[in-house]
């Protein structure tokens, strides 16, 4: 099916960075988007939070906050070696995806990390990271990154 101008360019912008981020979460066994969906349904081990935090060079608390996962829940699941829920895993994937998009648009991991943590006028003065715990907030952040990519001032 041909691409039209009304389609969102997200797949083109961040596919390499997203693949790297997801492989950090899942390891090299995760090949392809359909496998990622299966993994989301199954939940990921809480150690995935640690791996993602190391990869993005942020603290675990930053990842947990952005994914809307309570620290107590995370530590309990870590101690019990149980998996995060599908909902928690989905939010974790969202965080990884937005970081990947930011890295692609801003051309470095450090720039993406700084942009995501800084208050943003276009987002009502909130840091983009503070909006990632909901799907609607995540879309607002993605839209702002697309505006940056295409030079649209907001």
Protein backbone atom coordinates (compact mmCIF):
# COMPACT_ATOMS: atom_id res chain seq x y z
CA UNK A 1 0.00 0.00 0.00
CA UNK A 2 1.54 3.35 -0.99
CA UNK A 3 2.35 5.91 1.67
CA UNK A 4 0.19 9.00 1.69
CA UNK A 5 0.98 12.39 3.13
CA UNK A 6 -1.56 11.87 5.92
CA UNK A 7 0.27 8.89 7.44
CA UNK A 8 2.53 9.38 10.44
CA UNK A 9 6.21 8.89 9.57
CA UNK A 10 7.12 7.21 12.89
CA UNK A 11 8.21 3.90 11.37
CA UNK A 12 10.74 5.62 9.12
CA UNK A 13 12.12 8.01 11.71
CA UNK A 14 12.92 5.67 14.57
CA UNK A 15 12.98 2.07 13.39
CA UNK A 16 16.71 1.46 14.04
CA UNK A 17 16.72 3.24 17.39
CA UNK A 18 13.48 1.52 18.40
CA UNK A 19 14.87 -1.89 17.49
CA UNK A 20 17.95 -1.21 19.63
CA UNK A 21 15.82 -0.07 22.58
CA UNK A 22 13.48 -3.05 22.35
CA UNK A 23 16.39 -5.46 22.11
CA UNK A 24 17.71 -3.93 25.33
CA UNK A 25 14.35 -4.77 26.93
CA UNK A 26 13.98 -8.24 25.44
CA UNK A 27 17.43 -9.34 24.41
CA UNK A 28 18.49 -10.56 20.96
CA UNK A 29 15.71 -13.18 20.81
CA UNK A 30 13.14 -10.50 19.99
CA UNK A 31 12.88 -10.31 16.24
CA UNK A 32 10.06 -8.36 14.67
CA UNK A 33 7.14 -6.32 15.85
CA UNK A 34 4.75 -9.26 16.22
CA UNK A 35 7.19 -10.92 18.64
CA UNK A 36 7.29 -7.65 20.57
CA UNK A 37 3.50 -7.72 20.92
CA UNK A 38 3.70 -11.28 22.28
CA UNK A 39 6.32 -10.17 24.79
CA UNK A 40 4.14 -7.25 25.89
CA UNK A 41 1.25 -9.65 26.54
CA UNK A 42 3.54 -11.96 28.53
CA UNK A 43 5.20 -9.16 30.49
CA UNK A 44 8.93 -8.66 30.84
CA UNK A 45 11.17 -9.42 33.80
CA UNK A 46 11.75 -6.37 36.01
CA UNK A 47 15.47 -6.56 35.20
CA UNK A 48 14.43 -5.09 31.82
CA UNK A 49 13.98 -1.78 33.63
CA UNK A 50 17.61 -1.94 34.76
CA UNK A 51 18.82 -2.76 31.25
CA UNK A 52 16.79 0.05 29.70
CA UNK A 53 17.99 2.54 32.33
CA UNK A 54 21.62 1.60 31.62
CA UNK A 55 21.08 1.81 27.87
CA UNK A 56 19.47 5.25 28.10
CA UNK A 57 21.91 6.40 30.78
CA UNK A 58 19.18 7.39 33.23
CA UNK A 59 18.25 6.09 36.66
CA UNK A 60 15.77 3.28 37.17
CA UNK A 61 13.52 5.77 38.95
CA UNK A 62 13.33 7.87 35.76
CA UNK A 63 12.17 4.83 33.79
CA UNK A 64 9.69 3.78 36.48
CA UNK A 65 8.26 7.30 36.73
CA UNK A 66 7.88 7.62 32.97
CA UNK A 67 6.25 4.19 32.71
CA UNK A 68 3.95 4.84 35.66
CA UNK A 69 5.25 1.84 37.60
CA UNK A 70 5.38 2.23 41.38
CA UNK A 71 8.84 1.67 42.83
CA UNK A 72 7.37 -0.66 45.46
CA UNK A 73 5.76 -2.81 42.75
CA UNK A 74 9.01 -2.90 40.80
CA UNK A 75 11.07 -3.94 43.85
CA UNK A 76 8.52 -6.58 44.88
CA UNK A 77 8.52 -8.11 41.39
CA UNK A 78 12.31 -7.94 41.31
CA UNK A 79 12.56 -9.76 44.67
CA UNK A 80 9.99 -12.37 43.60
CA UNK A 81 11.48 -12.78 40.11
CA UNK A 82 8.00 -12.26 38.68
CA UNK A 83 7.22 -10.45 35.45
CA UNK A 84 5.78 -7.00 35.05
CA UNK A 85 2.14 -6.98 33.98
CA UNK A 86 1.17 -6.56 30.34
CA UNK A 87 0.04 -3.00 31.09
CA UNK A 88 3.32 -2.12 32.81
CA UNK A 89 5.28 -3.73 29.99
CA UNK A 90 3.29 -1.81 27.39
CA UNK A 91 4.14 1.46 29.15
CA UNK A 92 7.79 0.41 29.35
CA UNK A 93 7.79 -0.19 25.59
CA UNK A 94 6.19 3.24 25.12
CA UNK A 95 9.01 4.85 27.08
CA UNK A 96 11.61 2.94 25.04
CA UNK A 97 9.87 3.98 21.82
CA UNK A 98 9.75 7.67 22.70
CA UNK A 99 13.39 7.65 23.78
CA UNK A 100 14.23 5.98 20.46
CA UNK A 101 12.26 8.57 18.52
CA UNK A 102 13.95 11.34 20.48
CA UNK A 103 17.36 9.84 19.78
CA UNK A 104 16.54 9.66 16.08
CA UNK A 105 15.13 13.18 15.83
CA UNK A 106 17.69 14.89 18.08
CA UNK A 107 20.55 12.76 16.74
CA UNK A 108 21.98 11.63 20.06
CA UNK A 109 20.99 9.72 23.15
CA UNK A 110 22.17 12.57 25.40
CA UNK A 111 20.14 15.18 23.52
CA UNK A 112 17.04 12.99 23.67
CA UNK A 113 17.51 12.35 27.39
CA UNK A 114 17.97 16.07 28.11
CA UNK A 115 14.98 17.10 25.96
CA UNK A 116 12.70 14.52 27.57
CA UNK A 117 13.59 15.69 31.08
CA UNK A 118 13.38 19.46 30.50
CA UNK A 119 10.18 21.50 30.89
CA UNK A 120 8.67 22.14 27.47
CA UNK A 121 6.60 25.23 26.69
CA UNK A 122 4.66 23.44 23.93
CA UNK A 123 3.64 20.81 26.49
CA UNK A 124 2.31 23.30 29.02
CA UNK A 125 5.63 23.61 30.82
CA UNK A 126 5.74 19.90 31.65
CA UNK A 127 8.74 17.71 30.95
CA UNK A 128 7.89 15.27 28.14
CA UNK A 129 8.93 12.39 30.42
CA UNK A 130 6.10 13.32 32.80
CA UNK A 131 3.52 12.65 30.08
CA UNK A 132 4.62 9.16 29.02
CA UNK A 133 2.54 7.26 31.58
CA UNK A 134 -0.60 7.65 29.42
CA UNK A 135 -1.12 6.86 25.75
CA UNK A 136 -2.53 10.35 25.09
CA UNK A 137 0.42 12.05 26.78
CA UNK A 138 2.78 9.85 24.80
CA UNK A 139 1.11 10.94 21.56
CA UNK A 140 1.52 14.60 22.55
CA UNK A 141 5.24 14.03 23.11
CA UNK A 142 5.60 12.16 19.80
CA UNK A 143 3.81 14.94 17.95
CA UNK A 144 6.20 17.48 19.45
CA UNK A 145 9.17 15.38 18.34
CA UNK A 146 7.72 15.18 14.81
CA UNK A 147 7.35 18.97 14.80
CA UNK A 148 11.03 19.25 15.70
CA UNK A 149 11.96 16.75 12.99
CA UNK A 150 10.14 18.74 10.33
CA UNK A 151 10.99 22.19 11.62
CA UNK A 152 7.46 23.12 12.66
CA UNK A 153 7.47 25.67 15.46
CA UNK A 154 4.84 25.06 18.12
